[in-house]
Amino acid sequence: MNSIRILLGTTNPSKVKRFSDLLKGYDVEFVTLKDLAITDEPEENGTTPEENAIAKAKFYGQYFEVVICNDSGLYFEELALDDVRQPGLNVRTPMQMDRLSDEEMIDKASSKRFEGWPLDSLSMNKETGQYFVDGSMEESKENIIKDEYEKRIVDFLTKSLHIA
């Protein structure tokens, strides 16, 4: 059986690594936008990360048969959803700013970085006080939740892509 070829609709190297790690051991070959020299970008004018991911997948579907895209946002509980300070879907372009680099997005943070995931350098484990990028292997509530979340992603991907 031939491996399934999948286009990862992202230029974020950490997202490429994440999907590669999630489906490691499956008969999958990932192709990136860089591999195909795709520089065109879709308009992302959805109101949720899901809507933006769908728009990206439809756009990159013109280049490849099987495409995986995802999107995310950052929401602070303390701010109303319509507060102009709420980053939401505009994590890299808050309050109409020019696009921020990884380093411009963070202030007090770990010196360790995962390119493309700058917020992991300032996100902390509530139980240990360690930054996410410092990778404590302790069993914590957050690690258990992360493990379950990743299991659900793998289950979704393998069922959706019909891979065993």
N, C-alpha and C. Protein backbone atom coordinates (compact mmCIF):
# COMPACT_ATOMS: atom_id res chain seq x y z
N MET A 1 0.84 -1.18 0.00
CA MET A 1 0.00 0.00 0.00
C MET A 1 0.88 1.24 0.00
N ASN A 2 0.58 2.21 -0.86
CA ASN A 2 1.33 3.45 -0.93
C ASN A 2 0.94 4.38 0.20
N SER A 3 1.91 5.18 0.64
CA SER A 3 1.59 6.12 1.70
C SER A 3 0.71 7.24 1.15
N ILE A 4 -0.08 7.82 2.03
CA ILE A 4 -0.93 8.94 1.64
C ILE A 4 -0.09 10.21 1.73
N ARG A 5 -0.18 11.03 0.69
CA ARG A 5 0.55 12.31 0.66
C ARG A 5 -0.41 13.41 1.09
N ILE A 6 0.04 14.23 2.03
CA ILE A 6 -0.80 15.26 2.61
C ILE A 6 -0.05 16.59 2.57
N LEU A 7 -0.73 17.62 2.11
CA LEU A 7 -0.17 18.97 2.14
C LEU A 7 -0.52 19.59 3.48
N LEU A 8 0.50 20.07 4.19
CA LEU A 8 0.27 20.84 5.41
C LEU A 8 0.21 22.31 5.01
N GLY A 9 -0.96 22.90 5.12
CA GLY A 9 -1.18 24.27 4.67
C GLY A 9 -0.68 25.28 5.69
N THR A 10 0.64 25.33 5.88
CA THR A 10 1.25 26.25 6.83
C THR A 10 2.70 26.51 6.46
N THR A 11 3.20 27.64 6.90
CA THR A 11 4.64 27.92 6.77
C THR A 11 5.30 27.85 8.14
N ASN A 12 4.53 27.51 9.15
CA ASN A 12 5.01 27.45 10.53
C ASN A 12 5.76 26.12 10.75
N PRO A 13 7.08 26.17 10.97
CA PRO A 13 7.84 24.93 11.14
C PRO A 13 7.42 24.11 12.36
N SER A 14 6.92 24.78 13.39
CA SER A 14 6.46 24.03 14.57
C SER A 14 5.17 23.28 14.30
N LYS A 15 4.31 23.82 13.44
CA LYS A 15 3.09 23.09 13.07
C LYS A 15 3.45 21.87 12.21
N VAL A 16 4.41 22.02 11.31
CA VAL A 16 4.86 20.89 10.50
C VAL A 16 5.40 19.79 11.41
N LYS A 17 6.23 20.17 12.37
CA LYS A 17 6.78 19.18 13.31
C LYS A 17 5.67 18.54 14.13
N ARG A 18 4.71 19.34 14.56
CA ARG A 18 3.63 18.80 15.38
C ARG A 18 2.85 17.73 14.65
N PHE A 19 2.43 18.02 13.42
CA PHE A 19 1.66 17.02 12.66
C PHE A 19 2.53 15.81 12.33
N SER A 20 3.78 16.03 12.02
CA SER A 20 4.69 14.91 11.75
C SER A 20 4.82 14.02 12.99
N ASP A 21 4.95 14.66 14.16
CA ASP A 21 5.05 13.89 15.40
C ASP A 21 3.74 13.16 15.72
N LEU A 22 2.61 13.83 15.51
CA LEU A 22 1.32 13.21 15.81
C LEU A 22 1.07 11.96 14.97
N LEU A 23 1.49 11.99 13.71
CA LEU A 23 1.22 10.84 12.82
C LEU A 23 2.47 10.02 12.53
N LYS A 24 3.46 10.15 13.40
CA LYS A 24 4.67 9.32 13.27
C LYS A 24 4.26 7.85 13.40
N GLY A 25 4.78 7.03 12.53
CA GLY A 25 4.44 5.60 12.57
C GLY A 25 3.28 5.23 11.66
N TYR A 26 2.59 6.23 11.13
CA TYR A 26 1.52 5.97 10.16
C TYR A 26 2.11 6.10 8.76
N ASP A 27 1.45 5.50 7.79
CA ASP A 27 1.93 5.50 6.42
C ASP A 27 1.53 6.81 5.73
N VAL A 28 2.19 7.91 6.17
CA VAL A 28 1.84 9.25 5.73
C VAL A 28 3.11 9.97 5.29
N GLU A 29 3.00 10.70 4.19
CA GLU A 29 4.11 11.56 3.75
C GLU A 29 3.58 12.99 3.71
N PHE A 30 4.22 13.87 4.47
CA PHE A 30 3.79 15.27 4.49
C PHE A 30 4.56 16.08 3.47
N VAL A 31 3.83 16.96 2.80
CA VAL A 31 4.39 17.89 1.84
C VAL A 31 4.07 19.28 2.39
N THR A 32 5.00 20.21 2.26
CA THR A 32 4.76 21.55 2.79
C THR A 32 4.57 22.56 1.66
N LEU A 33 4.09 23.72 2.03
CA LEU A 33 3.94 24.80 1.05
C LEU A 33 5.30 25.14 0.44
N LYS A 34 6.33 25.09 1.27
CA LYS A 34 7.68 25.37 0.79
C LYS A 34 8.12 24.32 -0.24
N ASP A 35 7.82 23.05 0.03
CA ASP A 35 8.17 21.97 -0.90
C ASP A 35 7.57 22.22 -2.29
N LEU A 36 6.36 22.76 -2.32
CA LEU A 36 5.65 22.99 -3.57
C LEU A 36 5.83 24.41 -4.09
N ALA A 37 6.65 25.20 -3.39
CA ALA A 37 6.89 26.61 -3.76
C ALA A 37 5.60 27.41 -3.84
N ILE A 38 4.67 27.13 -2.94
CA ILE A 38 3.42 27.87 -2.89
C ILE A 38 3.63 29.09 -2.00
N THR A 39 3.45 30.26 -2.56
CA THR A 39 3.60 31.50 -1.79
C THR A 39 2.29 32.25 -1.65
N ASP A 40 1.29 31.88 -2.44
CA ASP A 40 -0.02 32.52 -2.33
C ASP A 40 -0.62 32.19 -0.96
N GLU A 41 -1.36 33.13 -0.41
CA GLU A 41 -1.99 32.92 0.89
C GLU A 41 -3.48 33.21 0.79
N PRO A 42 -4.28 32.46 1.53
CA PRO A 42 -5.72 32.70 1.52
C PRO A 42 -6.07 33.91 2.37
N GLU A 43 -7.23 34.48 2.12
CA GLU A 43 -7.75 35.51 3.02
C GLU A 43 -8.27 34.79 4.24
N GLU A 44 -7.92 35.31 5.39
CA GLU A 44 -8.41 34.73 6.64
C GLU A 44 -9.35 35.74 7.29
N ASN A 45 -10.61 35.70 6.89
CA ASN A 45 -11.56 36.63 7.46
C ASN A 45 -12.71 35.93 8.17
N GLY A 46 -12.41 34.73 8.69
CA GLY A 46 -13.38 34.02 9.51
C GLY A 46 -13.52 34.68 10.86
N THR A 47 -14.52 34.27 11.60
CA THR A 47 -14.72 34.81 12.95
C THR A 47 -14.24 33.86 14.04
N THR A 48 -13.79 32.66 13.62
CA THR A 48 -13.27 31.67 14.57
C THR A 48 -12.05 30.99 13.95
N PRO A 49 -11.21 30.37 14.80
CA PRO A 49 -10.10 29.60 14.24
C PRO A 49 -10.58 28.52 13.28
N GLU A 50 -11.69 27.87 13.58
CA GLU A 50 -12.22 26.82 12.71
C GLU A 50 -12.57 27.37 11.32
N GLU A 51 -13.24 28.52 11.29
CA GLU A 51 -13.59 29.12 9.99
C GLU A 51 -12.34 29.46 9.19
N ASN A 52 -11.32 29.98 9.85
CA ASN A 52 -10.07 30.30 9.14
C ASN A 52 -9.37 29.04 8.64
N ALA A 53 -9.37 27.98 9.44
CA ALA A 53 -8.74 26.73 9.01
C ALA A 53 -9.46 26.15 7.79
N ILE A 54 -10.78 26.23 7.78
CA ILE A 54 -11.55 25.74 6.64
C ILE A 54 -11.24 26.57 5.39
N ALA A 55 -11.16 27.89 5.56
CA ALA A 55 -10.83 28.76 4.42
C ALA A 55 -9.45 28.42 3.86
N LYS A 56 -8.50 28.17 4.75
CA LYS A 56 -7.15 27.80 4.31
C LYS A 56 -7.18 26.47 3.56
N ALA A 57 -7.90 25.49 4.10
CA ALA A 57 -7.95 24.17 3.47
C ALA A 57 -8.58 24.25 2.08
N LYS A 58 -9.64 25.03 1.95
CA LYS A 58 -10.28 25.20 0.63
C LYS A 58 -9.32 25.86 -0.34
N PHE A 59 -8.61 26.88 0.12
CA PHE A 59 -7.67 27.59 -0.74
C PHE A 59 -6.53 26.67 -1.20
N TYR A 60 -5.90 25.98 -0.25
CA TYR A 60 -4.77 25.11 -0.60
C TYR A 60 -5.21 23.85 -1.31
N GLY A 61 -6.52 23.54 -1.25
CA GLY A 61 -7.06 22.42 -1.99
C GLY A 61 -6.94 22.57 -3.50
N GLN A 62 -6.73 23.79 -3.97
CA GLN A 62 -6.52 23.99 -5.42
C GLN A 62 -5.15 23.48 -5.86
N TYR A 63 -4.26 23.27 -4.90
CA TYR A 63 -2.91 22.81 -5.20
C TYR A 63 -2.68 21.33 -4.91
N PHE A 64 -3.53 20.75 -4.05
CA PHE A 64 -3.26 19.39 -3.58
C PHE A 64 -4.58 18.74 -3.19
N GLU A 65 -4.65 17.42 -3.36
CA GLU A 65 -5.90 16.71 -3.09
C GLU A 65 -6.23 16.60 -1.59
N VAL A 66 -5.23 16.28 -0.76
CA VAL A 66 -5.46 16.12 0.67
C VAL A 66 -4.67 17.20 1.41
N VAL A 67 -5.38 18.00 2.19
CA VAL A 67 -4.77 19.14 2.86
C VAL A 67 -5.17 19.15 4.33
N ILE A 68 -4.22 19.46 5.19
CA ILE A 68 -4.51 19.70 6.61
C ILE A 68 -4.14 21.14 6.90
N CYS A 69 -5.08 21.86 7.52
CA CYS A 69 -4.82 23.23 7.97
C CYS A 69 -5.40 23.37 9.37
N ASN A 70 -4.77 24.23 10.14
CA ASN A 70 -5.36 24.57 11.43
C ASN A 70 -5.07 26.03 11.72
N ASP A 71 -5.78 26.56 12.66
CA ASP A 71 -5.61 27.95 13.05
C ASP A 71 -5.87 28.03 14.54
N SER A 72 -5.45 29.11 15.14
CA SER A 72 -5.65 29.26 16.57
C SER A 72 -5.89 30.72 16.89
N GLY A 73 -6.20 30.98 18.12
CA GLY A 73 -6.40 32.33 18.60
C GLY A 73 -5.97 32.41 20.05
N LEU A 74 -5.95 33.60 20.57
CA LEU A 74 -5.58 33.82 21.97
C LEU A 74 -6.65 34.70 22.58
N TYR A 75 -7.30 34.19 23.62
CA TYR A 75 -8.38 34.91 24.27
C TYR A 75 -8.11 35.00 25.77
N PHE A 76 -8.19 36.20 26.31
CA PHE A 76 -8.00 36.41 27.74
C PHE A 76 -9.35 36.44 28.43
N GLU A 77 -9.51 35.59 29.46
CA GLU A 77 -10.78 35.51 30.18
C GLU A 77 -11.19 36.85 30.77
N GLU A 78 -10.20 37.64 31.17
CA GLU A 78 -10.46 38.90 31.85
C GLU A 78 -11.03 39.97 30.92
N LEU A 79 -10.92 39.78 29.62
CA LEU A 79 -11.39 40.77 28.65
C LEU A 79 -12.64 40.29 27.93
N ALA A 80 -13.55 41.20 27.68
CA ALA A 80 -14.73 40.86 26.89
C ALA A 80 -14.28 40.50 25.48
N LEU A 81 -15.03 39.63 24.81
CA LEU A 81 -14.65 39.21 23.47
C LEU A 81 -14.57 40.37 22.49
N ASP A 82 -15.36 41.42 22.71
CA ASP A 82 -15.32 42.57 21.80
C ASP A 82 -14.37 43.68 22.25
N ASP A 83 -13.62 43.45 23.32
CA ASP A 83 -12.63 44.42 23.79
C ASP A 83 -11.50 44.52 22.76
N VAL A 84 -11.12 45.74 22.36
CA VAL A 84 -10.10 45.91 21.32
C VAL A 84 -8.75 45.35 21.74
N ARG A 85 -8.54 45.14 23.04
CA ARG A 85 -7.27 44.57 23.52
C ARG A 85 -7.24 43.05 23.42
N GLN A 86 -8.40 42.43 23.16
CA GLN A 86 -8.49 40.97 23.04
C GLN A 86 -7.81 40.54 21.73
N PRO A 87 -6.70 39.78 21.81
CA PRO A 87 -6.03 39.37 20.57
C PRO A 87 -6.91 38.51 19.66
N GLY A 88 -7.62 37.54 20.23
CA GLY A 88 -8.48 36.69 19.42
C GLY A 88 -7.74 36.04 18.27
N LEU A 89 -8.24 36.22 17.07
CA LEU A 89 -7.63 35.65 15.88
C LEU A 89 -6.42 36.46 15.41
N ASN A 90 -6.22 37.63 15.98
CA ASN A 90 -5.15 38.53 15.54
C ASN A 90 -3.95 38.48 16.48
N VAL A 91 -3.53 37.28 16.82
CA VAL A 91 -2.42 37.11 17.77
C VAL A 91 -1.17 37.82 17.27
N ARG A 92 -0.88 37.70 16.00
CA ARG A 92 0.34 38.34 15.46
C ARG A 92 0.11 39.78 15.01
N THR A 93 -1.14 40.21 14.95
CA THR A 93 -1.44 41.58 14.53
C THR A 93 -2.45 42.22 15.48
N PRO A 94 -2.14 42.27 16.78
CA PRO A 94 -3.10 42.82 17.75
C PRO A 94 -3.34 44.31 17.52
N MET A 95 -4.57 44.74 17.76
CA MET A 95 -4.95 46.15 17.68
C MET A 95 -4.46 46.81 16.40
N GLN A 96 -4.60 46.09 15.27
CA GLN A 96 -4.25 46.61 13.94
C GLN A 96 -2.76 46.88 13.75
N MET A 97 -1.90 46.29 14.58
CA MET A 97 -0.46 46.49 14.45
C MET A 97 0.07 45.75 13.23
N ASP A 98 1.29 46.12 12.78
CA ASP A 98 1.96 45.34 11.75
C ASP A 98 2.24 43.96 12.31
N ARG A 99 2.44 42.99 11.44
CA ARG A 99 2.68 41.61 11.84
C ARG A 99 3.91 41.52 12.75
N LEU A 100 3.73 40.88 13.91
CA LEU A 100 4.80 40.74 14.89
C LEU A 100 5.60 39.47 14.64
N SER A 101 6.90 39.53 14.89
CA SER A 101 7.76 38.34 14.84
C SER A 101 7.56 37.57 16.14
N ASP A 102 8.12 36.36 16.20
CA ASP A 102 8.06 35.58 17.44
C ASP A 102 8.60 36.39 18.61
N GLU A 103 9.75 37.02 18.44
CA GLU A 103 10.39 37.76 19.54
C GLU A 103 9.59 38.99 19.95
N GLU A 104 8.93 39.64 19.00
CA GLU A 104 8.13 40.82 19.32
C GLU A 104 6.87 40.47 20.10
N MET A 105 6.44 39.21 20.01
CA MET A 105 5.21 38.80 20.67
C MET A 105 5.38 38.51 22.16
N ILE A 106 6.60 38.34 22.61
CA ILE A 106 6.79 37.90 23.99
C ILE A 106 7.61 38.90 24.79
N ASP A 107 7.39 38.90 26.11
CA ASP A 107 8.08 39.82 27.01
C ASP A 107 8.89 39.00 28.00
N LYS A 108 8.37 38.76 29.19
CA LYS A 108 9.05 37.91 30.17
C LYS A 108 8.81 36.47 29.75
N ALA A 109 9.90 35.78 29.44
CA ALA A 109 9.73 34.45 28.88
C ALA A 109 10.96 33.59 29.12
N SER A 110 10.81 32.32 28.82
CA SER A 110 11.94 31.41 28.81
C SER A 110 12.86 31.81 27.66
N SER A 111 14.12 31.53 27.80
CA SER A 111 15.06 31.83 26.71
C SER A 111 14.95 30.78 25.60
N LYS A 112 14.30 29.65 25.88
CA LYS A 112 14.13 28.59 24.89
C LYS A 112 12.96 28.94 23.98
N ARG A 113 13.08 28.64 22.68
CA ARG A 113 12.04 28.95 21.71
C ARG A 113 11.73 27.75 20.83
N PHE A 114 10.45 27.64 20.46
CA PHE A 114 10.03 26.75 19.39
C PHE A 114 9.56 27.68 18.29
N GLU A 115 10.32 27.79 17.21
CA GLU A 115 9.98 28.70 16.12
C GLU A 115 8.54 28.48 15.68
N GLY A 116 7.79 29.55 15.61
CA GLY A 116 6.39 29.46 15.20
C GLY A 116 5.41 29.34 16.35
N TRP A 117 5.89 29.00 17.54
CA TRP A 117 5.05 28.87 18.73
C TRP A 117 5.59 29.79 19.83
N PRO A 118 5.65 31.09 19.62
CA PRO A 118 6.25 31.99 20.60
C PRO A 118 5.53 31.99 21.95
N LEU A 119 4.24 31.78 21.96
CA LEU A 119 3.52 31.84 23.22
C LEU A 119 3.87 30.69 24.16
N ASP A 120 4.41 29.59 23.64
CA ASP A 120 4.87 28.50 24.51
C ASP A 120 6.08 28.94 25.33
N SER A 121 6.75 30.01 24.92
CA SER A 121 7.90 30.52 25.65
C SER A 121 7.49 31.39 26.83
N LEU A 122 6.22 31.78 26.89
CA LEU A 122 5.76 32.55 28.04
C LEU A 122 4.59 31.89 28.76
N SER A 123 4.06 30.80 28.21
CA SER A 123 2.99 30.05 28.87
C SER A 123 3.60 29.16 29.94
N MET A 124 2.97 29.15 31.11
CA MET A 124 3.53 28.41 32.24
C MET A 124 2.57 27.33 32.73
N ASN A 125 3.16 26.22 33.19
CA ASN A 125 2.42 25.16 33.84
C ASN A 125 1.97 25.71 35.20
N LYS A 126 0.67 25.68 35.46
CA LYS A 126 0.13 26.23 36.71
C LYS A 126 0.68 25.52 37.94
N GLU A 127 0.92 24.22 37.82
CA GLU A 127 1.35 23.43 38.97
C GLU A 127 2.84 23.59 39.28
N THR A 128 3.67 23.66 38.24
CA THR A 128 5.13 23.68 38.46
C THR A 128 5.76 25.05 38.29
N GLY A 129 5.06 25.98 37.63
CA GLY A 129 5.63 27.29 37.37
C GLY A 129 6.65 27.28 36.25
N GLN A 130 6.80 26.16 35.53
CA GLN A 130 7.76 26.06 34.43
C GLN A 130 7.10 26.48 33.12
N TYR A 131 7.91 27.08 32.25
CA TYR A 131 7.42 27.43 30.92
C TYR A 131 7.15 26.15 30.13
N PHE A 132 6.16 26.21 29.23
CA PHE A 132 5.83 25.04 28.40
C PHE A 132 7.04 24.53 27.64
N VAL A 133 7.88 25.42 27.12
CA VAL A 133 9.03 25.00 26.32
C VAL A 133 10.10 24.30 27.16
N ASP A 134 10.04 24.48 28.48
CA ASP A 134 11.03 23.83 29.34
C ASP A 134 10.68 22.38 29.60
N GLY A 135 9.49 21.96 29.19
CA GLY A 135 9.10 20.57 29.06
C GLY A 135 9.25 19.66 30.26
N SER A 136 8.68 20.01 31.39
CA SER A 136 8.68 19.10 32.53
C SER A 136 7.94 17.83 32.15
N MET A 137 8.51 16.69 32.47
CA MET A 137 7.88 15.42 32.14
C MET A 137 6.98 14.91 33.28
N GLU A 138 6.79 15.75 34.30
CA GLU A 138 5.95 15.34 35.42
C GLU A 138 4.52 15.12 34.96
N GLU A 139 3.84 14.20 35.65
CA GLU A 139 2.42 14.02 35.36
C GLU A 139 1.68 15.17 36.02
N SER A 140 1.11 16.01 35.26
CA SER A 140 0.31 17.11 35.79
C SER A 140 -1.04 17.08 35.11
N LYS A 141 -1.97 17.84 35.65
CA LYS A 141 -3.29 17.93 35.03
C LYS A 141 -3.14 18.42 33.59
N GLU A 142 -2.27 19.42 33.39
CA GLU A 142 -2.09 19.98 32.05
C GLU A 142 -1.52 18.95 31.08
N ASN A 143 -0.57 18.12 31.53
CA ASN A 143 -0.01 17.09 30.65
C ASN A 143 -1.04 16.02 30.33
N ILE A 144 -1.85 15.66 31.30
CA ILE A 144 -2.90 14.67 31.08
C ILE A 144 -3.91 15.21 30.07
N ILE A 145 -4.31 16.47 30.22
CA ILE A 145 -5.23 17.10 29.27
C ILE A 145 -4.59 17.15 27.89
N LYS A 146 -3.32 17.53 27.81
CA LYS A 146 -2.60 17.62 26.52
C LYS A 146 -2.56 16.24 25.86
N ASP A 147 -2.24 15.20 26.64
CA ASP A 147 -2.18 13.85 26.09
C ASP A 147 -3.53 13.42 25.53
N GLU A 148 -4.59 13.69 26.26
CA GLU A 148 -5.93 13.33 25.79
C GLU A 148 -6.29 14.13 24.54
N TYR A 149 -5.94 15.40 24.52
CA TYR A 149 -6.20 16.26 23.36
C TYR A 149 -5.47 15.72 22.13
N GLU A 150 -4.20 15.36 22.29
CA GLU A 150 -3.43 14.83 21.16
C GLU A 150 -3.99 13.49 20.69
N LYS A 151 -4.43 12.66 21.61
CA LYS A 151 -5.04 11.38 21.24
C LYS A 151 -6.29 11.62 20.39
N ARG A 152 -7.08 12.61 20.77
CA ARG A 152 -8.29 12.91 20.01
C ARG A 152 -7.95 13.46 18.62
N ILE A 153 -6.90 14.25 18.52
CA ILE A 153 -6.47 14.76 17.21
C ILE A 153 -6.04 13.60 16.32
N VAL A 154 -5.23 12.70 16.86
CA VAL A 154 -4.77 11.55 16.08
C VAL A 154 -5.96 10.69 15.65
N ASP A 155 -6.89 10.44 16.56
CA ASP A 155 -8.09 9.66 16.21
C ASP A 155 -8.87 10.34 15.08
N PHE A 156 -9.05 11.66 15.21
CA PHE A 156 -9.77 12.41 14.17
C PHE A 156 -9.04 12.32 12.83
N LEU A 157 -7.73 12.54 12.83
CA LEU A 157 -6.96 12.52 11.60
C LEU A 157 -6.96 11.14 10.94
N THR A 158 -6.74 10.10 11.73
CA THR A 158 -6.69 8.76 11.13
C THR A 158 -8.05 8.35 10.56
N LYS A 159 -9.14 8.73 11.23
CA LYS A 159 -10.46 8.41 10.69
C LYS A 159 -10.78 9.25 9.46
N SER A 160 -10.48 10.55 9.52
CA SER A 160 -10.78 11.45 8.41
C SER A 160 -9.97 11.12 7.17
N LEU A 161 -8.72 10.71 7.37
CA LEU A 161 -7.82 10.43 6.25
C LEU A 161 -7.84 8.97 5.85
N HIS A 162 -8.59 8.15 6.58
CA HIS A 162 -8.70 6.71 6.31
C HIS A 162 -7.34 6.05 6.31
N ILE A 163 -6.57 6.31 7.38
CA ILE A 163 -5.27 5.66 7.51
C ILE A 163 -5.28 4.77 8.76
N ALA A 164 -4.52 3.69 8.68
CA ALA A 164 -4.48 2.75 9.81
C ALA A 164 -3.13 2.79 10.47
